[in-house]
Every structure is written in structure tokens, then in C-alpha cells.
PDB file of N, CA and C in Angstrom:
ATOM      1  N   MET A   1     268.463 197.325  45.372  1.00  0.00           N
ATOM      2  CA  MET A   1     267.471 196.266  46.565  1.00  0.00           C
ATOM      3  C   MET A   1     267.589 197.583  47.779  1.00  0.00           C
ATOM      4  N   SER A   2     268.642 198.536  47.450  1.00  0.00           N
ATOM      5  CA  SER A   2     269.545 199.293  48.599  1.00  0.00           C
ATOM      6  C   SER A   2     267.495 200.266  49.076  1.00  0.00           C
ATOM      7  N   GLY A   3     267.063 200.219  47.882  1.00  0.00           N
ATOM      8  CA  GLY A   3     265.720 201.422  48.172  1.00  0.00           C
ATOM      9  C   GLY A   3     264.342 200.617  48.926  1.00  0.00           C
ATOM     10  N   GLU A   4     264.711 199.112  49.118  1.00  0.00           N
ATOM     11  CA  GLU A   4     263.661 198.755  49.749  1.00  0.00           C
ATOM     12  C   GLU A   4     263.358 199.671  51.114  1.00  0.00           C
ATOM     13  N   PRO A   5     262.185 198.997  51.261  1.00  0.00           N
ATOM     14  CA  PRO A   5     261.168 199.163  52.164  1.00  0.00           C
ATOM     15  C   PRO A   5     261.849 198.630  53.295  1.00  0.00           C
ATOM     16  N   PRO A   6     262.436 199.315  54.662  1.00  0.00           N
ATOM     17  CA  PRO A   6     262.988 198.045  55.827  1.00  0.00           C
ATOM     18  C   PRO A   6     262.180 197.010  56.120  1.00  0.00           C
ATOM     19  N   VAL A   7     260.629 197.325  55.989  1.00  0.00           N
ATOM     20  CA  VAL A   7     259.390 195.375  56.539  1.00  0.00           C
ATOM     21  C   VAL A   7     260.478 194.468  55.614  1.00  0.00           C
ATOM     22  N   VAL A   8     261.198 195.015  53.485  1.00  0.00           N
ATOM     23  CA  VAL A   8     260.959 193.929  52.601  1.00  0.00           C
ATOM     24  C   VAL A   8     262.413 193.350  52.982  1.00  0.00           C
ATOM     25  N   ARG A   9     263.412 194.397  53.487  1.00  0.00           N
ATOM     26  CA  ARG A   9     264.400 194.064  53.294  1.00  0.00           C
ATOM     27  C   ARG A   9     264.793 192.895  54.945  1.00  0.00           C
ATOM     28  N   LEU A  10     264.387 194.005  55.966  1.00  0.00           N
ATOM     29  CA  LEU A  10     264.541 192.274  57.313  1.00  0.00           C
ATOM     30  C   LEU A  10     263.806 191.241  56.884  1.00  0.00           C
ATOM     31  N   GLY A  11     262.826 191.506  56.544  1.00  0.00           N
ATOM     32  CA  GLY A  11     262.235 190.011  55.700  1.00  0.00           C
ATOM     33  C   GLY A  11     262.467 188.975  55.565  1.00  0.00           C
ATOM     34  N   ARG A  12     263.719 190.150  53.875  1.00  0.00           N
ATOM     35  CA  ARG A  12     264.429 188.897  53.324  1.00  0.00           C
ATOM     36  C   ARG A  12     265.056 188.259  53.974  1.00  0.00           C
ATOM     37  N   ASP A  13     265.883 189.201  54.873  1.00  0.00           N
ATOM     38  CA  ASP A  13     267.467 189.122  55.946  1.00  0.00           C
ATOM     39  C   ASP A  13     266.562 187.343  56.278  1.00  0.00           C
ATOM     40  N   LEU A  14     265.102 187.353  57.184  1.00  0.00           N
ATOM     41  CA  LEU A  14     264.775 186.198  57.630  1.00  0.00           C
ATOM     42  C   LEU A  14     265.186 185.330  56.619  1.00  0.00           C
ATOM     43  N   VAL A  15     264.711 185.506  56.162  1.00  0.00           N
ATOM     44  CA  VAL A  15     264.241 184.840  54.255  1.00  0.00           C
ATOM     45  C   VAL A  15     265.509 183.755  53.923  1.00  0.00           C
ATOM     46  N   ARG A  16     266.245 184.391  54.147  1.00  0.00           N
ATOM     47  CA  ARG A  16     267.987 184.414  54.621  1.00  0.00           C
ATOM     48  C   ARG A  16     268.046 182.617  55.088  1.00  0.00           C
ATOM     49  N   ASN A  17     267.919 183.076  56.494  1.00  0.00           N
ATOM     50  CA  ASN A  17     267.928 182.788  57.380  1.00  0.00           C
ATOM     51  C   ASN A  17     267.192 181.524  57.754  1.00  0.00           C
ATOM     52  N   PHE A  18     266.014 181.512  57.479  1.00  0.00           N
ATOM     53  CA  PHE A  18     265.585 180.079  57.442  1.00  0.00           C
ATOM     54  C   PHE A  18     265.584 179.453  56.751  1.00  0.00           C
ATOM     55  N   GLU A  19     265.682 180.019  54.750  1.00  0.00           N
ATOM     56  CA  GLU A  19     264.967 178.845  54.231  1.00  0.00           C
ATOM     57  C   GLU A  19     265.548 177.406  54.504  1.00  0.00           C
ATOM     58  N   SER A  20     266.164 176.973  54.726  1.00  0.00           N
ATOM     59  CA  SER A  20     266.917 176.004  54.711  1.00  0.00           C
ATOM     60  C   SER A  20     266.943 174.859  55.488  1.00  0.00           C
ATOM     61  N   LEU A  21     265.737 175.681  56.023  1.00  0.00           N
ATOM     62  CA  LEU A  21     264.163 174.300  57.061  1.00  0.00           C
ATOM     63  C   LEU A  21     262.540 174.138  55.680  1.00  0.00           C
ATOM     64  N   PRO A  22     262.661 172.732  56.138  1.00  0.00           N
ATOM     65  CA  PRO A  22     261.329 172.554  55.809  1.00  0.00           C
ATOM     66  C   PRO A  22     260.360 174.373  56.180  1.00  0.00           C
ATOM     67  N   PRO A  23     259.431 173.991  54.760  1.00  0.00           N
ATOM     68  CA  PRO A  23     258.568 175.478  54.654  1.00  0.00           C
ATOM     69  C   PRO A  23     257.849 175.856  55.222  1.00  0.00           C
ATOM     70  N   ASP A  24     257.391 174.458  55.772  1.00  0.00           N
ATOM     71  CA  ASP A  24     256.001 174.825  56.940  1.00  0.00           C
ATOM     72  C   ASP A  24     256.920 175.611  58.617  1.00  0.00           C
ATOM     73  N   LYS A  25     258.551 175.383  58.554  1.00  0.00           N
ATOM     74  CA  LYS A  25     258.845 175.509  60.069  1.00  0.00           C
ATOM     75  C   LYS A  25     259.754 176.937  59.735  1.00  0.00           C
ATOM     76  N   ALA A  26     259.779 176.481  58.446  1.00  0.00           N
ATOM     77  CA  ALA A  26     260.174 178.202  58.582  1.00  0.00           C
ATOM     78  C   ALA A  26     259.928 179.228  58.480  1.00  0.00           C
ATOM     79  N   ALA A  27     258.181 179.145  58.023  1.00  0.00           N
ATOM     80  CA  ALA A  27     257.100 180.522  58.063  1.00  0.00           C
ATOM     81  C   ALA A  27     257.097 180.458  59.613  1.00  0.00           C
ATOM     82  N   SER A  28     256.944 179.165  60.435  1.00  0.00           N
ATOM     83  CA  SER A  28     256.646 179.215  61.263  1.00  0.00           C
ATOM     84  C   SER A  28     257.674 179.777  62.481  1.00  0.00           C
ATOM     85  N   GLU A  29     258.902 180.211  61.784  1.00  0.00           N
ATOM     86  CA  GLU A  29     259.989 180.399  62.534  1.00  0.00           C
ATOM     87  C   GLU A  29     260.021 182.197  62.488  1.00  0.00           C
ATOM     88  N   ILE A  30     259.688 182.462  61.492  1.00  0.00           N
ATOM     89  CA  ILE A  30     259.897 183.559  60.665  1.00  0.00           C
ATOM     90  C   ILE A  30     258.887 183.922  61.367  1.00  0.00           C
ATOM     91  N   ALA A  31     257.408 183.717  61.500  1.00  0.00           N
ATOM     92  CA  ALA A  31     256.184 184.817  61.912  1.00  0.00           C
ATOM     93  C   ALA A  31     257.190 185.228  63.538  1.00  0.00           C
ATOM     94  N   THR A  32     257.767 183.821  63.870  1.00  0.00           N
ATOM     95  CA  THR A  32     257.009 183.928  65.505  1.00  0.00           C
ATOM     96  C   THR A  32     258.179 184.955  65.769  1.00  0.00           C
ATOM     97  N   HIS A  33     259.856 184.990  65.327  1.00  0.00           N
ATOM     98  CA  HIS A  33     260.956 186.314  65.183  1.00  0.00           C
ATOM     99  C   HIS A  33     260.057 187.026  64.783  1.00  0.00           C
ATOM    100  N   ILE A  34     259.081 187.611  64.304  1.00  0.00           N
ATOM    101  CA  ILE A  34     258.459 189.058  63.626  1.00  0.00           C
ATOM    102  C   ILE A  34     257.656 189.277  65.277  1.00  0.00           C
ATOM    103  N   ARG A  35     256.459 188.607  65.869  1.00  0.00           N
ATOM    104  CA  ARG A  35     256.186 188.701  66.923  1.00  0.00           C
ATOM    105  C   ARG A  35     256.816 189.229  67.708  1.00  0.00           C
ATOM    106  N   LYS A  36     257.638 188.384  68.344  1.00  0.00           N
ATOM    107  CA  LYS A  36     259.251 188.227  68.556  1.00  0.00           C
ATOM    108  C   LYS A  36     259.226 189.703  69.117  1.00  0.00           C
ATOM    109  N   PHE A  37     260.190 190.656  67.382  1.00  0.00           N
ATOM    110  CA  PHE A  37     261.044 191.572  68.320  1.00  0.00           C
ATOM    111  C   PHE A  37     260.759 192.747  67.044  1.00  0.00           C
ATOM    112  N   TRP A  38     259.897 192.663  66.420  1.00  0.00           N
ATOM    113  CA  TRP A  38     259.458 193.374  65.457  1.00  0.00           C
ATOM    114  C   TRP A  38     257.994 194.802  65.558  1.00  0.00           C
ATOM    115  N   GLU A  39     258.729 195.867  65.654  1.00  0.00           N
ATOM    116  CA  GLU A  39     257.236 196.762  66.477  1.00  0.00           C
ATOM    117  C   GLU A  39     256.296 196.588  65.541  1.00  0.00           C
ATOM    118  N   PRO A  40     254.932 197.269  67.031  1.00  0.00           N
ATOM    119  CA  PRO A  40     254.078 196.633  65.599  1.00  0.00           C
ATOM    120  C   PRO A  40     254.001 197.321  64.545  1.00  0.00           C
ATOM    121  N   ARG A  41     253.967 198.540  64.298  1.00  0.00           N
ATOM    122  CA  ARG A  41     253.949 199.564  63.141  1.00  0.00           C
ATOM    123  C   ARG A  41     254.123 198.435  61.747  1.00  0.00           C
ATOM    124  N   MET A  42     255.798 197.655  62.279  1.00  0.00           N
ATOM    125  CA  MET A  42     256.387 197.056  61.078  1.00  0.00           C
ATOM    126  C   MET A  42     255.235 196.225  60.566  1.00  0.00           C
ATOM    127  N   ARG A  43     255.250 194.649  62.057  1.00  0.00           N
ATOM    128  CA  ARG A  43     254.097 194.297  61.322  1.00  0.00           C
ATOM    129  C   ARG A  43     252.805 194.988  60.623  1.00  0.00           C
ATOM    130  N   GLN A  44     252.211 195.751  61.039  1.00  0.00           N
ATOM    131  CA  GLN A  44     251.306 196.400  60.463  1.00  0.00           C
ATOM    132  C   GLN A  44     251.538 196.903  59.421  1.00  0.00           C
ATOM    133  N   ASP A  45     252.563 196.987  58.917  1.00  0.00           N
ATOM    134  CA  ASP A  45     253.130 197.311  56.978  1.00  0.00           C
ATOM    135  C   ASP A  45     253.012 196.170  56.917  1.00  0.00           C
ATOM    136  N   LEU A  46     254.477 194.684  57.064  1.00  0.00           N
ATOM    137  CA  LEU A  46     254.467 193.855  56.028  1.00  0.00           C
ATOM    138  C   LEU A  46     252.773 193.630  56.062  1.00  0.00           C
ATOM    139  N   LEU A  47     251.518 193.790  56.732  1.00  0.00           N
ATOM    140  CA  LEU A  47     250.877 192.695  56.833  1.00  0.00           C
ATOM    141  C   LEU A  47     250.206 193.796  55.313  1.00  0.00           C
ATOM    142  N   ALA A  48     249.847 194.754  55.684  1.00  0.00           N
ATOM    143  CA  ALA A  48     249.379 196.215  54.610  1.00  0.00           C
ATOM    144  C   ALA A  48     249.754 194.798  53.393  1.00  0.00           C
ATOM    145  N   ARG A  49     251.240 194.614  53.335  1.00  0.00           N
ATOM    146  CA  ARG A  49     251.991 194.843  51.699  1.00  0.00           C
ATOM    147  C   ARG A  49     251.479 193.665  51.463  1.00  0.00           C
ATOM    148  N   VAL A  50     250.848 192.375  52.597  1.00  0.00           N
ATOM    149  CA  VAL A  50     250.736 191.576  51.468  1.00  0.00           C
ATOM    150  C   VAL A  50     248.801 191.231  51.681  1.00  0.00           C
ATOM    151  N   ARG A  51     248.183 191.779  52.223  1.00  0.00           N
ATOM    152  CA  ARG A  51     246.991 191.882  51.431  1.00  0.00           C
ATOM    153  C   ARG A  51     247.670 192.893  49.985  1.00  0.00           C
ATOM    154  N   ALA A  52     247.449 193.639  50.031  1.00  0.00           N
ATOM    155  CA  ALA A  52     247.692 194.556  48.828  1.00  0.00           C
ATOM    156  C   ALA A  52     248.730 193.823  48.263  1.00  0.00           C
ATOM    157  N   ARG A  53     249.150 192.380  48.195  1.00  0.00           N
ATOM    158  CA  ARG A  53     250.444 191.194  47.282  1.00  0.00           C
ATOM    159  C   ARG A  53     250.784 192.183  46.106  1.00  0.00           C
ATOM    160  N   SER A  54     252.260 193.059  47.349  1.00  0.00           N
ATOM    161  CA  SER A  54     252.960 193.326  46.744  1.00  0.00           C
ATOM    162  C   SER A  54     254.470 192.508  46.215  1.00  0.00           C
ATOM    163  N   ALA A  55     254.118 192.684  45.212  1.00  0.00           N
ATOM    164  CA  ALA A  55     254.953 191.842  44.196  1.00  0.00           C
ATOM    165  C   ALA A  55     256.427 191.570  45.465  1.00  0.00           C
ATOM    166  N   ASP A  56     257.152 192.431  45.958  1.00  0.00           N
ATOM    167  CA  ASP A  56     258.772 192.418  45.659  1.00  0.00           C
ATOM    168  C   ASP A  56     258.592 191.450  47.488  1.00  0.00           C
ATOM    169  N   LEU A  57     257.704 190.775  47.641  1.00  0.00           N
ATOM    170  CA  LEU A  57     257.814 189.934  48.585  1.00  0.00           C
ATOM    171  C   LEU A  57     258.125 188.509  48.669  1.00  0.00           C
ATOM    172  N   PRO A  58     259.188 187.979  49.350  1.00  0.00           N
ATOM    173  CA  PRO A  58     259.407 186.331  48.909  1.00  0.00           C
ATOM    174  C   PRO A  58     257.877 186.287  49.666  1.00  0.00           C
ATOM    175  N   PRO A  59     257.999 184.284  48.773  1.00  0.00           N
ATOM    176  CA  PRO A  59     256.644 183.941  48.737  1.00  0.00           C
ATOM    177  C   PRO A  59     256.782 183.203  50.425  1.00  0.00           C
ATOM    178  N   LEU A  60     258.079 182.711  50.985  1.00  0.00           N
ATOM    179  CA  LEU A  60     258.268 182.827  52.582  1.00  0.00           C
ATOM    180  C   LEU A  60     257.562 183.434  53.777  1.00  0.00           C
ATOM    181  N   LEU A  61     257.764 184.533  53.185  1.00  0.00           N
ATOM    182  CA  LEU A  61     257.933 185.667  53.958  1.00  0.00           C
ATOM    183  C   LEU A  61     256.458 185.711  54.085  1.00  0.00           C
ATOM    184  N   VAL A  62     254.904 186.315  52.944  1.00  0.00           N
ATOM    185  CA  VAL A  62     254.378 185.929  52.768  1.00  0.00           C
ATOM    186  C   VAL A  62     253.249 184.902  53.574  1.00  0.00           C
ATOM    187  N   SER A  63     254.245 183.379  53.048  1.00  0.00           N
ATOM    188  CA  SER A  63     253.601 182.555  54.048  1.00  0.00           C
ATOM    189  C   SER A  63     253.559 182.689  55.853  1.00  0.00           C
ATOM    190  N   ALA A  64     255.077 183.129  56.371  1.00  0.00           N
ATOM    191  CA  ALA A  64     255.064 183.605  57.471  1.00  0.00           C
ATOM    192  C   ALA A  64     253.845 185.055  57.825  1.00  0.00           C
ATOM    193  N   ALA A  65     253.340 185.710  57.016  1.00  0.00           N
ATOM    194  CA  ALA A  65     252.941 186.598  57.490  1.00  0.00           C
ATOM    195  C   ALA A  65     250.710 185.957  57.720  1.00  0.00           C
ATOM    196  N   GLU A  66     250.840 185.164  56.857  1.00  0.00           N
ATOM    197  CA  GLU A  66     249.502 184.101  57.725  1.00  0.00           C
ATOM    198  C   GLU A  66     249.401 184.040  58.663  1.00  0.00           C
ATOM    199  N   HIS A  67     251.290 183.361  59.439  1.00  0.00           N
ATOM    200  CA  HIS A  67     250.801 182.937  61.086  1.00  0.00           C
ATOM    201  C   HIS A  67     250.197 184.539  61.939  1.00  0.00           C
ATOM    202  N   LEU A  68     250.195 185.911  61.328  1.00  0.00           N
ATOM    203  CA  LEU A  68     250.725 186.839  62.121  1.00  0.00           C
ATOM    204  C   LEU A  68     248.639 187.807  62.175  1.00  0.00           C
ATOM    205  N   VAL A  69     249.041 187.913  63.232  1.00  0.00           N
ATOM    206  CA  VAL A  69     247.590 188.655  62.928  1.00  0.00           C
ATOM    207  C   VAL A  69     247.397 190.468  63.554  1.00  0.00           C
ATOM    208  N   ASP A  70     246.833 191.217  63.306  1.00  0.00           N
ATOM    209  CA  ASP A  70     247.552 192.617  63.760  1.00  0.00           C
ATOM    210  C   ASP A  70     246.987 193.208  65.091  1.00  0.00           C
ATOM    211  N   GLY A  71     248.252 192.981  66.009  1.00  0.00           N
ATOM    212  CA  GLY A  71     248.258 193.391  67.302  1.00  0.00           C
ATOM    213  C   GLY A  71     248.078 191.619  68.325  1.00  0.00           C
ATOM    214  N   ASP A  72     249.051 190.539  67.767  1.00  0.00           N
ATOM    215  CA  ASP A  72     248.812 189.712  67.675  1.00  0.00           C
ATOM    216  C   ASP A  72     250.061 189.789  69.021  1.00  0.00           C
ATOM    217  N   VAL A  73     250.844 189.645  70.059  1.00  0.00           N
ATOM    218  CA  VAL A  73     251.649 189.169  71.135  1.00  0.00           C
ATOM    219  C   VAL A  73     251.642 188.419  72.102  1.00  0.00           C
ATOM    220  N   ASP A  74     252.215 188.275  71.789  1.00  0.00           N
ATOM    221  CA  ASP A  74     252.137 186.555  72.630  1.00  0.00           C
ATOM    222  C   ASP A  74     252.820 187.435  74.061  1.00  0.00           C
ATOM    223  N   ARG A  75     252.444 187.692  75.054  1.00  0.00           N
ATOM    224  CA  ARG A  75     254.162 188.406  75.711  1.00  0.00           C
ATOM    225  C   ARG A  75     254.483 186.522  75.841  1.00  0.00           C
ATOM    226  N   GLU A  76     254.331 186.199  77.461  1.00  0.00           N
ATOM    227  CA  GLU A  76     254.829 184.426  77.232  1.00  0.00           C
ATOM    228  C   GLU A  76     256.099 184.338  76.681  1.00  0.00           C
ATOM    229  N   GLU A  77     255.134 183.601  75.606  1.00  0.00           N
ATOM    230  CA  GLU A  77     256.599 183.565  73.938  1.00  0.00           C
ATOM    231  C   GLU A  77     257.256 184.874  74.045  1.00  0.00           C
ATOM    232  N   VAL A  78     257.444 185.988  73.845  1.00  0.00           N
ATOM    233  CA  VAL A  78     258.159 186.689  73.993  1.00  0.00           C
ATOM    234  C   VAL A  78     259.730 186.907  75.051  1.00  0.00           C
ATOM    235  N   LYS A  79     259.223 186.147  76.226  1.00  0.00           N
ATOM    236  CA  LYS A  79     260.413 185.371  76.988  1.00  0.00           C
ATOM    237  C   LYS A  79     260.344 184.264  76.802  1.00  0.00           C
ATOM    238  N   GLN A  80     260.811 183.635  75.793  1.00  0.00           N
ATOM    239  CA  GLN A  80     261.344 181.843  75.362  1.00  0.00           C
ATOM    240  C   GLN A  80     262.841 182.616  74.300  1.00  0.00           C
ATOM    241  N   PRO A  81     263.834 181.619  74.211  1.00  0.00           N
ATOM    242  CA  PRO A  81     264.501 181.805  73.422  1.00  0.00           C
ATOM    243  C   PRO A  81     263.859 182.891  71.781  1.00  0.00           C
ATOM    244  N   SER A  82     264.415 183.004  70.684  1.00  0.00           N
ATOM    245  CA  SER A  82     263.413 182.383  69.136  1.00  0.00           C
ATOM    246  C   SER A  82     264.963 181.352  68.305  1.00  0.00           C
ATOM    247  N   GLY A  83     264.410 180.365  67.976  1.00  0.00           N
ATOM    248  CA  GLY A  83     264.506 180.387  66.521  1.00  0.00           C
ATOM    249  C   GLY A  83     265.722 181.175  65.686  1.00  0.00           C
ATOM    250  N   GLY A  84     265.479 182.457  65.731  1.00  0.00           N
ATOM    251  CA  GLY A  84     266.126 183.398  65.284  1.00  0.00           C
ATOM    252  C   GLY A  84     266.767 184.648  65.647  1.00  0.00           C
TER     253      GLY A  84
END
């Protein structure tokens, strides 16, 4: 896995951190973390990989990406602590 793109590697790390939660809650928490802490180009890269149906993405990360929209950042939400 050392040759993985950063968004895939970081996405897998998030999945490992949240996979103990119920799937819907985990996907929501992962999406919140991504919106708050990932740079826009990282979010865009993830969304492009999801749209291309990249086989290297964990299903929970794909579910989380469904909560994201290109350019979508809620500045008030960023001020609040995250679950991750």
C-alpha cells in the first residue's frame, strides 16, 4: 500500500478510525472530517476517484464521499470540534 495516492491512504486511515460506528454515522463523521481538514484539491481528487469507480477505495469512504459536494465547506461547521 506504500504506492497509494495520499487521498486513498488518508481515506483508509479515516475508515479505520470510524469503522466501529454504525455505517451511516461513520460515513457522516468521515465526510465531516474531510470537509473540515482536507484541502479542496484533495476533496476534488477523492470525488473524481469515486466518480471513476476506483477499485482502491474502501466502500465506507465511497459512502462518506456521497455526503460531499465539490467546493462545499461550511465555515461555521469548521469552527466546531470533529469526532475525529
